[in-house]
């Protein structure tokens, strides 16, 4: 097993190379160094390695979003826009990568990690995965707009409007966000089997197939959805109510603030009132 550098580990394979989010002591939350290392490894794999690229998380889950210990929206509004735009640009590099990218999600997939997963070419989740919004509402419009082209506007709003709202892996498939939900102990085998079949196609053909489908999705609105997410999130960071929550984080600490926003998911509420058709466990 290769050693993680700044929270990122590369596992080369025959059909698929895995970029592993390997910072389990911080629940794979993205630090600045981890983001930079992710981008470097992603770029290096453009012209090297296996014909398929994979992204997964080590430990108990895929990723817990951004590292709040490094969270800083105290600069100018433009500084914040540029910071947030750089994150979207990192994930867009997954979308633009010449190789097919399979993302395998297990355990928790929170906040910006759920944004990253949206840029997969093939997205496989464990049945028991928990895909969630940030519990603390200190931003807005950063995740759900990118979901909208895949799950529809109403479900994107449902996901976004409740603090810490969450769906499980099977619901993610029902919504159209993920390709398949499988038992967690079969997640890697499923991804490897898909990659082995893809690897039978010449690399240039895979690249052109990906580009052509991407163009169709961008023409249908996916690219436009990326345009304003950084600006809208930066604007929310300036709101007095959001500043008050950030002050509470500094004075009270993370746990009590998280607990103050804890509650049932939208799917829990729907099920409580007799909604048919949800499959979240």
C-alpha atoms as a PDB file:
ATOM      1  CA  UNK A   1       0.000   0.000   0.000  1.00  0.00           C
ATOM      2  CA  UNK A   2       1.354   3.419  -0.945  1.00  0.00           C
ATOM      3  CA  UNK A   3       1.703   6.080   1.735  1.00  0.00           C
ATOM      4  CA  UNK A   4      -0.632   9.067   1.862  1.00  0.00           C
ATOM      5  CA  UNK A   5       0.897  12.474   1.196  1.00  0.00           C
ATOM      6  CA  UNK A   6      -1.100  15.413   2.573  1.00  0.00           C
ATOM      7  CA  UNK A   7      -4.135  13.183   2.930  1.00  0.00           C
ATOM      8  CA  UNK A   8      -4.075  11.774  -0.610  1.00  0.00           C
ATOM      9  CA  UNK A   9      -2.894   8.298  -1.571  1.00  0.00           C
ATOM     10  CA  UNK A  10      -2.521   6.860  -5.083  1.00  0.00           C
ATOM     11  CA  UNK A  11      -3.214   3.152  -5.580  1.00  0.00           C
ATOM     12  CA  UNK A  12      -2.119   2.149  -9.114  1.00  0.00           C
ATOM     13  CA  UNK A  13      -3.913  -0.758 -10.751  1.00  0.00           C
ATOM     14  CA  UNK A  14      -4.187  -2.528 -14.078  1.00  0.00           C
ATOM     15  CA  UNK A  15      -7.613  -1.270 -15.192  1.00  0.00           C
ATOM     16  CA  UNK A  16      -8.139   1.521 -12.652  1.00  0.00           C
ATOM     17  CA  UNK A  17      -5.897   3.805 -10.601  1.00  0.00           C
ATOM     18  CA  UNK A  18      -7.460   4.923  -7.325  1.00  0.00           C
ATOM     19  CA  UNK A  19      -7.051   8.379  -5.828  1.00  0.00           C
ATOM     20  CA  UNK A  20      -7.815   7.686  -2.175  1.00  0.00           C
ATOM     21  CA  UNK A  21      -8.929  10.391   0.247  1.00  0.00           C
ATOM     22  CA  UNK A  22      -6.870   9.181   3.192  1.00  0.00           C
ATOM     23  CA  UNK A  23      -7.170  11.525   6.135  1.00  0.00           C
ATOM     24  CA  UNK A  24      -9.283   9.347   8.434  1.00  0.00           C
ATOM     25  CA  UNK A  25      -8.255  11.195  11.603  1.00  0.00           C
ATOM     26  CA  UNK A  26     -10.233  14.169  10.221  1.00  0.00           C
ATOM     27  CA  UNK A  27     -12.987  12.068   8.563  1.00  0.00           C
ATOM     28  CA  UNK A  28     -11.344  12.860   5.187  1.00  0.00           C
ATOM     29  CA  UNK A  29     -12.279  16.539   5.525  1.00  0.00           C
ATOM     30  CA  UNK A  30     -10.470  18.588   2.880  1.00  0.00           C
ATOM     31  CA  UNK A  31      -7.618  20.763   4.108  1.00  0.00           C
ATOM     32  CA  UNK A  32      -5.830  23.224   1.847  1.00  0.00           C
ATOM     33  CA  UNK A  33      -2.859  20.901   1.419  1.00  0.00           C
ATOM     34  CA  UNK A  34      -5.152  17.972   0.692  1.00  0.00           C
ATOM     35  CA  UNK A  35      -6.929  19.922  -2.051  1.00  0.00           C
ATOM     36  CA  UNK A  36      -3.637  20.899  -3.658  1.00  0.00           C
ATOM     37  CA  UNK A  37      -2.366  17.314  -3.542  1.00  0.00           C
ATOM     38  CA  UNK A  38      -5.641  16.019  -5.012  1.00  0.00           C
ATOM     39  CA  UNK A  39      -5.310  18.359  -7.981  1.00  0.00           C
ATOM     40  CA  UNK A  40      -1.664  17.429  -8.523  1.00  0.00           C
ATOM     41  CA  UNK A  41      -2.350  13.685  -8.584  1.00  0.00           C
ATOM     42  CA  UNK A  42      -5.409  14.165 -10.795  1.00  0.00           C
ATOM     43  CA  UNK A  43      -3.338  16.125 -13.326  1.00  0.00           C
ATOM     44  CA  UNK A  44      -0.472  13.625 -13.241  1.00  0.00           C
ATOM     45  CA  UNK A  45      -2.854  10.786 -14.160  1.00  0.00           C
ATOM     46  CA  UNK A  46      -3.936  12.517 -17.382  1.00  0.00           C
ATOM     47  CA  UNK A  47      -1.101  10.937 -19.334  1.00  0.00           C
ATOM     48  CA  UNK A  48      -0.041   8.065 -17.123  1.00  0.00           C
ATOM     49  CA  UNK A  49      -1.339   4.923 -15.504  1.00  0.00           C
ATOM     50  CA  UNK A  50      -4.449   2.822 -16.004  1.00  0.00           C
ATOM     51  CA  UNK A  51      -7.169   3.665 -18.550  1.00  0.00           C
ATOM     52  CA  UNK A  52      -9.763   4.394 -15.837  1.00  0.00           C
ATOM     53  CA  UNK A  53      -9.433   6.642 -12.795  1.00  0.00           C
ATOM     54  CA  UNK A  54     -11.222   6.084  -9.489  1.00  0.00           C
ATOM     55  CA  UNK A  55     -11.793   8.218  -6.402  1.00  0.00           C
ATOM     56  CA  UNK A  56     -12.755   6.769  -3.024  1.00  0.00           C
ATOM     57  CA  UNK A  57     -12.344   7.414   0.681  1.00  0.00           C
ATOM     58  CA  UNK A  58     -10.346   5.476   3.270  1.00  0.00           C
ATOM     59  CA  UNK A  59     -11.722   4.662   6.685  1.00  0.00           C
ATOM     60  CA  UNK A  60     -15.370   4.978   7.721  1.00  0.00           C
ATOM     61  CA  UNK A  61     -16.556   7.260   4.930  1.00  0.00           C
ATOM     62  CA  UNK A  62     -15.912   9.077   1.687  1.00  0.00           C
ATOM     63  CA  UNK A  63     -15.517  12.591   3.048  1.00  0.00           C
ATOM     64  CA  UNK A  64     -16.805  15.038   5.659  1.00  0.00           C
ATOM     65  CA  UNK A  65     -16.593  18.151   3.477  1.00  0.00           C
ATOM     66  CA  UNK A  66     -14.280  21.069   4.175  1.00  0.00           C
ATOM     67  CA  UNK A  67     -12.066  21.217   7.234  1.00  0.00           C
ATOM     68  CA  UNK A  68     -13.831  23.783   9.437  1.00  0.00           C
ATOM     69  CA  UNK A  69     -10.569  24.268  11.304  1.00  0.00           C
ATOM     70  CA  UNK A  70      -9.297  26.020   8.179  1.00  0.00           C
ATOM     71  CA  UNK A  71     -12.577  27.708   7.345  1.00  0.00           C
ATOM     72  CA  UNK A  72     -12.022  31.422   6.771  1.00  0.00           C
ATOM     73  CA  UNK A  73     -14.455  33.801   5.133  1.00  0.00           C
ATOM     74  CA  UNK A  74     -13.125  36.904   6.865  1.00  0.00           C
ATOM     75  CA  UNK A  75     -11.412  38.475   3.863  1.00  0.00           C
ATOM     76  CA  UNK A  76     -13.076  40.516   1.159  1.00  0.00           C
ATOM     77  CA  UNK A  77     -16.072  39.220  -0.741  1.00  0.00           C
ATOM     78  CA  UNK A  78     -13.872  38.771  -3.816  1.00  0.00           C
ATOM     79  CA  UNK A  79     -11.322  36.781  -1.812  1.00  0.00           C
ATOM     80  CA  UNK A  80     -14.142  34.459  -0.786  1.00  0.00           C
ATOM     81  CA  UNK A  81     -15.424  34.168  -4.367  1.00  0.00           C
ATOM     82  CA  UNK A  82     -11.968  33.238  -5.613  1.00  0.00           C
ATOM     83  CA  UNK A  83     -11.484  30.694  -2.818  1.00  0.00           C
ATOM     84  CA  UNK A  84     -14.806  29.020  -3.538  1.00  0.00           C
ATOM     85  CA  UNK A  85     -14.308  29.177  -7.316  1.00  0.00           C
ATOM     86  CA  UNK A  86     -11.006  27.343  -6.975  1.00  0.00           C
ATOM     87  CA  UNK A  87     -12.818  24.450  -5.305  1.00  0.00           C
ATOM     88  CA  UNK A  88     -15.356  24.179  -8.130  1.00  0.00           C
ATOM     89  CA  UNK A  89     -12.511  24.358 -10.652  1.00  0.00           C
ATOM     90  CA  UNK A  90     -10.819  21.390  -8.928  1.00  0.00           C
ATOM     91  CA  UNK A  91     -13.923  19.263  -9.357  1.00  0.00           C
ATOM     92  CA  UNK A  92     -14.411  20.506 -12.923  1.00  0.00           C
ATOM     93  CA  UNK A  93     -10.971  19.030 -13.634  1.00  0.00           C
ATOM     94  CA  UNK A  94     -12.551  15.644 -12.810  1.00  0.00           C
ATOM     95  CA  UNK A  95     -15.278  16.403 -15.354  1.00  0.00           C
ATOM     96  CA  UNK A  96     -12.703  17.473 -17.969  1.00  0.00           C
ATOM     97  CA  UNK A  97     -10.254  14.639 -17.271  1.00  0.00           C
ATOM     98  CA  UNK A  98      -9.602  12.589 -20.434  1.00  0.00           C
ATOM     99  CA  UNK A  99     -10.171   9.303 -18.584  1.00  0.00           C
ATOM    100  CA  UNK A 100     -13.497   7.978 -17.301  1.00  0.00           C
ATOM    101  CA  UNK A 101     -13.710   8.692 -13.566  1.00  0.00           C
ATOM    102  CA  UNK A 102     -15.532   6.298 -11.250  1.00  0.00           C
ATOM    103  CA  UNK A 103     -16.304   7.611  -7.769  1.00  0.00           C
ATOM    104  CA  UNK A 104     -17.166   5.062  -5.076  1.00  0.00           C
ATOM    105  CA  UNK A 105     -18.928   6.440  -2.000  1.00  0.00           C
ATOM    106  CA  UNK A 106     -19.360   4.643   1.297  1.00  0.00           C
ATOM    107  CA  UNK A 107     -20.225   5.845   4.776  1.00  0.00           C
ATOM    108  CA  UNK A 108     -20.569   9.598   5.072  1.00  0.00           C
ATOM    109  CA  UNK A 109     -20.442  11.947   2.094  1.00  0.00           C
ATOM    110  CA  UNK A 110     -20.998  15.450   3.425  1.00  0.00           C
ATOM    111  CA  UNK A 111     -21.054  18.957   2.034  1.00  0.00           C
ATOM    112  CA  UNK A 112     -18.371  19.639  -0.535  1.00  0.00           C
ATOM    113  CA  UNK A 113     -17.613  15.892  -0.762  1.00  0.00           C
ATOM    114  CA  UNK A 114     -21.148  15.513  -2.150  1.00  0.00           C
ATOM    115  CA  UNK A 115     -20.322  18.283  -4.599  1.00  0.00           C
ATOM    116  CA  UNK A 116     -17.182  16.443  -5.753  1.00  0.00           C
ATOM    117  CA  UNK A 117     -19.115  13.210  -6.289  1.00  0.00           C
ATOM    118  CA  UNK A 118     -21.510  15.015  -8.641  1.00  0.00           C
ATOM    119  CA  UNK A 119     -18.669  15.384 -11.156  1.00  0.00           C
ATOM    120  CA  UNK A 120     -18.129  11.619 -11.498  1.00  0.00           C
ATOM    121  CA  UNK A 121     -18.660   9.929 -14.836  1.00  0.00           C
ATOM    122  CA  UNK A 122     -19.898   6.842 -13.002  1.00  0.00           C
ATOM    123  CA  UNK A 123     -21.031   7.166  -9.390  1.00  0.00           C
ATOM    124  CA  UNK A 124     -21.493   4.035  -7.264  1.00  0.00           C
ATOM    125  CA  UNK A 125     -22.627   4.284  -3.665  1.00  0.00           C
ATOM    126  CA  UNK A 126     -23.077   1.814  -0.866  1.00  0.00           C
ATOM    127  CA  UNK A 127     -26.698   1.187   0.068  1.00  0.00           C
ATOM    128  CA  UNK A 128     -26.049   2.533   3.558  1.00  0.00           C
ATOM    129  CA  UNK A 129     -24.056   5.605   2.521  1.00  0.00           C
ATOM    130  CA  UNK A 130     -25.274   8.904   3.973  1.00  0.00           C
ATOM    131  CA  UNK A 131     -25.116  11.823   1.553  1.00  0.00           C
ATOM    132  CA  UNK A 132     -25.761  15.077   3.366  1.00  0.00           C
ATOM    133  CA  UNK A 133     -25.817  18.841   3.367  1.00  0.00           C
ATOM    134  CA  UNK A 134     -23.611  20.632   5.924  1.00  0.00           C
ATOM    135  CA  UNK A 135     -25.315  20.534   9.321  1.00  0.00           C
ATOM    136  CA  UNK A 136     -24.399  24.146  10.094  1.00  0.00           C
ATOM    137  CA  UNK A 137     -26.047  26.568   7.603  1.00  0.00           C
ATOM    138  CA  UNK A 138     -23.191  29.018   7.119  1.00  0.00           C
ATOM    139  CA  UNK A 139     -23.391  29.131   3.317  1.00  0.00           C
ATOM    140  CA  UNK A 140     -25.826  28.469   0.553  1.00  0.00           C
ATOM    141  CA  UNK A 141     -26.151  27.717  -3.110  1.00  0.00           C
ATOM    142  CA  UNK A 142     -22.834  25.861  -3.329  1.00  0.00           C
ATOM    143  CA  UNK A 143     -23.933  22.213  -3.576  1.00  0.00           C
ATOM    144  CA  UNK A 144     -27.582  21.932  -4.591  1.00  0.00           C
ATOM    145  CA  UNK A 145     -27.394  23.995  -7.831  1.00  0.00           C
ATOM    146  CA  UNK A 146     -24.902  21.485  -9.225  1.00  0.00           C
ATOM    147  CA  UNK A 147     -27.248  18.671  -8.182  1.00  0.00           C
ATOM    148  CA  UNK A 148     -30.239  20.256  -9.940  1.00  0.00           C
ATOM    149  CA  UNK A 149     -29.379  19.112 -13.460  1.00  0.00           C
ATOM    150  CA  UNK A 150     -29.174  15.513 -12.205  1.00  0.00           C
ATOM    151  CA  UNK A 151     -32.004  15.251  -9.655  1.00  0.00           C
ATOM    152  CA  UNK A 152     -34.310  18.103 -10.696  1.00  0.00           C
ATOM    153  CA  UNK A 153     -34.986  21.433  -9.074  1.00  0.00           C
ATOM    154  CA  UNK A 154     -37.478  20.363  -6.422  1.00  0.00           C
ATOM    155  CA  UNK A 155     -35.292  17.572  -5.082  1.00  0.00           C
ATOM    156  CA  UNK A 156     -32.252  19.853  -5.115  1.00  0.00           C
ATOM    157  CA  UNK A 157     -34.229  22.365  -3.051  1.00  0.00           C
ATOM    158  CA  UNK A 158     -35.495  19.620  -0.741  1.00  0.00           C
ATOM    159  CA  UNK A 159     -31.900  18.560  -0.174  1.00  0.00           C
ATOM    160  CA  UNK A 160     -30.729  22.133   0.463  1.00  0.00           C
ATOM    161  CA  UNK A 161     -33.468  23.698   2.565  1.00  0.00           C
ATOM    162  CA  UNK A 162     -33.079  21.564   5.729  1.00  0.00           C
ATOM    163  CA  UNK A 163     -29.843  21.889   7.745  1.00  0.00           C
ATOM    164  CA  UNK A 164     -27.905  18.654   7.548  1.00  0.00           C
ATOM    165  CA  UNK A 165     -30.494  17.073   5.266  1.00  0.00           C
ATOM    166  CA  UNK A 166     -29.484  13.618   4.122  1.00  0.00           C
ATOM    167  CA  UNK A 167     -30.388  10.720   1.870  1.00  0.00           C
ATOM    168  CA  UNK A 168     -29.086   7.169   1.795  1.00  0.00           C
ATOM    169  CA  UNK A 169     -27.471   5.389  -1.132  1.00  0.00           C
ATOM    170  CA  UNK A 170     -30.624   3.761  -2.443  1.00  0.00           C
ATOM    171  CA  UNK A 171     -32.478   7.083  -2.412  1.00  0.00           C
ATOM    172  CA  UNK A 172     -29.555   8.682  -4.264  1.00  0.00           C
ATOM    173  CA  UNK A 173     -30.120   6.164  -7.067  1.00  0.00           C
ATOM    174  CA  UNK A 174     -33.894   6.697  -7.022  1.00  0.00           C
ATOM    175  CA  UNK A 175     -33.287  10.430  -7.393  1.00  0.00           C
ATOM    176  CA  UNK A 176     -30.902   9.910 -10.325  1.00  0.00           C
ATOM    177  CA  UNK A 177     -27.799  11.205  -8.549  1.00  0.00           C
ATOM    178  CA  UNK A 178     -25.948   7.862  -8.497  1.00  0.00           C
ATOM    179  CA  UNK A 179     -25.772   4.988 -10.984  1.00  0.00           C
ATOM    180  CA  UNK A 180     -26.125   2.132  -8.515  1.00  0.00           C
ATOM    181  CA  UNK A 181     -26.279   1.323  -4.810  1.00  0.00           C
ATOM    182  CA  UNK A 182     -24.624  -1.905  -3.717  1.00  0.00           C
ATOM    183  CA  UNK A 183     -23.807  -3.557  -0.390  1.00  0.00           C
ATOM    184  CA  UNK A 184     -20.782  -1.834   1.096  1.00  0.00           C
ATOM    185  CA  UNK A 185     -18.672  -4.995   1.031  1.00  0.00           C
ATOM    186  CA  UNK A 186     -19.275  -5.231  -2.747  1.00  0.00           C
ATOM    187  CA  UNK A 187     -18.557  -1.580  -3.579  1.00  0.00           C
ATOM    188  CA  UNK A 188     -14.938  -1.962  -4.637  1.00  0.00           C
ATOM    189  CA  UNK A 189     -15.517  -5.211  -6.529  1.00  0.00           C
ATOM    190  CA  UNK A 190     -18.339  -3.563  -8.475  1.00  0.00           C
ATOM    191  CA  UNK A 191     -16.168  -0.565  -9.397  1.00  0.00           C
ATOM    192  CA  UNK A 192     -13.256  -2.776 -10.408  1.00  0.00           C
ATOM    193  CA  UNK A 193     -15.507  -4.934 -12.603  1.00  0.00           C
ATOM    194  CA  UNK A 194     -16.845  -1.849 -14.402  1.00  0.00           C
ATOM    195  CA  UNK A 195     -13.326  -0.519 -14.897  1.00  0.00           C
ATOM    196  CA  UNK A 196     -12.129  -3.829 -16.342  1.00  0.00           C
ATOM    197  CA  UNK A 197     -14.886  -3.742 -18.965  1.00  0.00           C
ATOM    198  CA  UNK A 198     -14.186  -0.079 -19.786  1.00  0.00           C
ATOM    199  CA  UNK A 199     -10.489  -0.847 -20.200  1.00  0.00           C
ATOM    200  CA  UNK A 200     -11.322  -3.048 -23.198  1.00  0.00           C
ATOM    201  CA  UNK A 201     -12.236   0.104 -25.141  1.00  0.00           C
ATOM    202  CA  UNK A 202      -9.306   2.039 -26.685  1.00  0.00           C
ATOM    203  CA  UNK A 203      -8.355   5.037 -24.558  1.00  0.00           C
ATOM    204  CA  UNK A 204      -8.972   7.540 -27.354  1.00  0.00           C
ATOM    205  CA  UNK A 205     -12.484   6.159 -27.858  1.00  0.00           C
ATOM    206  CA  UNK A 206     -13.245   6.450 -24.139  1.00  0.00           C
ATOM    207  CA  UNK A 207     -12.052  10.054 -24.148  1.00  0.00           C
ATOM    208  CA  UNK A 208     -14.213  11.012 -27.117  1.00  0.00           C
ATOM    209  CA  UNK A 209     -17.278   9.241 -25.694  1.00  0.00           C
ATOM    210  CA  UNK A 210     -16.830  11.168 -22.448  1.00  0.00           C
ATOM    211  CA  UNK A 211     -16.372  14.484 -24.234  1.00  0.00           C
ATOM    212  CA  UNK A 212     -19.438  14.005 -26.394  1.00  0.00           C
ATOM    213  CA  UNK A 213     -21.718  13.158 -23.464  1.00  0.00           C
ATOM    214  CA  UNK A 214     -20.259  16.039 -21.446  1.00  0.00           C
ATOM    215  CA  UNK A 215     -21.065  18.456 -24.265  1.00  0.00           C
ATOM    216  CA  UNK A 216     -24.655  17.249 -24.329  1.00  0.00           C
ATOM    217  CA  UNK A 217     -24.977  17.689 -20.553  1.00  0.00           C
ATOM    218  CA  UNK A 218     -23.382  21.123 -20.681  1.00  0.00           C
ATOM    219  CA  UNK A 219     -25.761  22.195 -23.447  1.00  0.00           C
ATOM    220  CA  UNK A 220     -28.641  21.013 -21.239  1.00  0.00           C
ATOM    221  CA  UNK A 221     -27.561  23.325 -18.424  1.00  0.00           C
ATOM    222  CA  UNK A 222     -24.896  21.611 -16.314  1.00  0.00           C
ATOM    223  CA  UNK A 223     -22.201  24.153 -17.199  1.00  0.00           C
ATOM    224  CA  UNK A 224     -24.503  27.093 -16.499  1.00  0.00           C
ATOM    225  CA  UNK A 225     -25.231  25.722 -13.028  1.00  0.00           C
ATOM    226  CA  UNK A 226     -21.557  26.157 -12.121  1.00  0.00           C
ATOM    227  CA  UNK A 227     -21.435  29.837 -12.961  1.00  0.00           C
ATOM    228  CA  UNK A 228     -22.904  31.432  -9.853  1.00  0.00           C
ATOM    229  CA  UNK A 229     -22.298  28.930  -7.056  1.00  0.00           C
ATOM    230  CA  UNK A 230     -19.192  30.660  -5.694  1.00  0.00           C
ATOM    231  CA  UNK A 231     -20.760  34.125  -5.820  1.00  0.00           C
ATOM    232  CA  UNK A 232     -23.977  33.031  -4.091  1.00  0.00           C
ATOM    233  CA  UNK A 233     -22.099  31.229  -1.336  1.00  0.00           C
ATOM    234  CA  UNK A 234     -19.759  34.186  -0.773  1.00  0.00           C
ATOM    235  CA  UNK A 235     -22.755  36.519  -0.569  1.00  0.00           C
ATOM    236  CA  UNK A 236     -24.367  34.343   2.105  1.00  0.00           C
ATOM    237  CA  UNK A 237     -21.170  34.476   4.164  1.00  0.00           C
ATOM    238  CA  UNK A 238     -21.738  38.226   4.574  1.00  0.00           C
ATOM    239  CA  UNK A 239     -25.252  37.909   5.983  1.00  0.00           C
ATOM    240  CA  UNK A 240     -25.570  38.988   9.650  1.00  0.00           C
ATOM    241  CA  UNK A 241     -27.334  35.724  10.599  1.00  0.00           C
ATOM    242  CA  UNK A 242     -24.494  33.694   9.108  1.00  0.00           C
ATOM    243  CA  UNK A 243     -21.884  35.830  10.855  1.00  0.00           C
ATOM    244  CA  UNK A 244     -23.737  35.195  14.127  1.00  0.00           C
ATOM    245  CA  UNK A 245     -23.499  31.424  13.604  1.00  0.00           C
ATOM    246  CA  UNK A 246     -19.781  31.728  12.893  1.00  0.00           C
ATOM    247  CA  UNK A 247     -19.371  33.725  16.104  1.00  0.00           C
ATOM    248  CA  UNK A 248     -21.136  30.919  17.977  1.00  0.00           C
ATOM    249  CA  UNK A 249     -18.690  28.427  16.470  1.00  0.00           C
ATOM    250  CA  UNK A 250     -15.786  30.444  17.851  1.00  0.00           C
ATOM    251  CA  UNK A 251     -17.259  30.914  21.316  1.00  0.00           C
ATOM    252  CA  UNK A 252     -19.249  27.696  21.900  1.00  0.00           C
ATOM    253  CA  UNK A 253     -17.344  25.180  19.776  1.00  0.00           C
ATOM    254  CA  UNK A 254     -18.484  22.862  17.019  1.00  0.00           C
ATOM    255  CA  UNK A 255     -20.500  20.225  18.887  1.00  0.00           C
ATOM    256  CA  UNK A 256     -23.155  22.411  20.574  1.00  0.00           C
ATOM    257  CA  UNK A 257     -23.712  24.396  17.367  1.00  0.00           C
ATOM    258  CA  UNK A 258     -24.159  21.196  15.357  1.00  0.00           C
ATOM    259  CA  UNK A 259     -26.589  19.864  17.973  1.00  0.00           C
ATOM    260  CA  UNK A 260     -28.660  23.040  17.784  1.00  0.00           C
ATOM    261  CA  UNK A 261     -29.387  22.347  14.111  1.00  0.00           C
ATOM    262  CA  UNK A 262     -29.857  18.568  14.407  1.00  0.00           C
ATOM    263  CA  UNK A 263     -33.185  17.084  13.380  1.00  0.00           C
ATOM    264  CA  UNK A 264     -34.992  14.720  11.024  1.00  0.00           C
ATOM    265  CA  UNK A 265     -34.227  14.606   7.321  1.00  0.00           C
ATOM    266  CA  UNK A 266     -36.845  15.540   4.749  1.00  0.00           C
ATOM    267  CA  UNK A 267     -37.276  11.848   3.943  1.00  0.00           C
ATOM    268  CA  UNK A 268     -37.838  11.098   7.657  1.00  0.00           C
ATOM    269  CA  UNK A 269     -40.556  13.762   7.757  1.00  0.00           C
ATOM    270  CA  UNK A 270     -42.229  12.511   4.592  1.00  0.00           C
ATOM    271  CA  UNK A 271     -42.212   8.967   5.880  1.00  0.00           C
ATOM    272  CA  UNK A 272     -43.643  10.084   9.237  1.00  0.00           C
ATOM    273  CA  UNK A 273     -46.654  11.531   7.452  1.00  0.00           C
ATOM    274  CA  UNK A 274     -47.328   8.524   5.277  1.00  0.00           C
ATOM    275  CA  UNK A 275     -45.359   9.341   2.138  1.00  0.00           C
ATOM    276  CA  UNK A 276     -45.187   6.313  -0.165  1.00  0.00           C
ATOM    277  CA  UNK A 277     -42.244   5.553  -2.404  1.00  0.00           C
ATOM    278  CA  UNK A 278     -39.242   6.580  -0.338  1.00  0.00           C
ATOM    279  CA  UNK A 279     -36.697   3.850   0.193  1.00  0.00           C
ATOM    280  CA  UNK A 280     -34.343   5.439   2.713  1.00  0.00           C
ATOM    281  CA  UNK A 281     -33.668   3.083   5.609  1.00  0.00           C
END
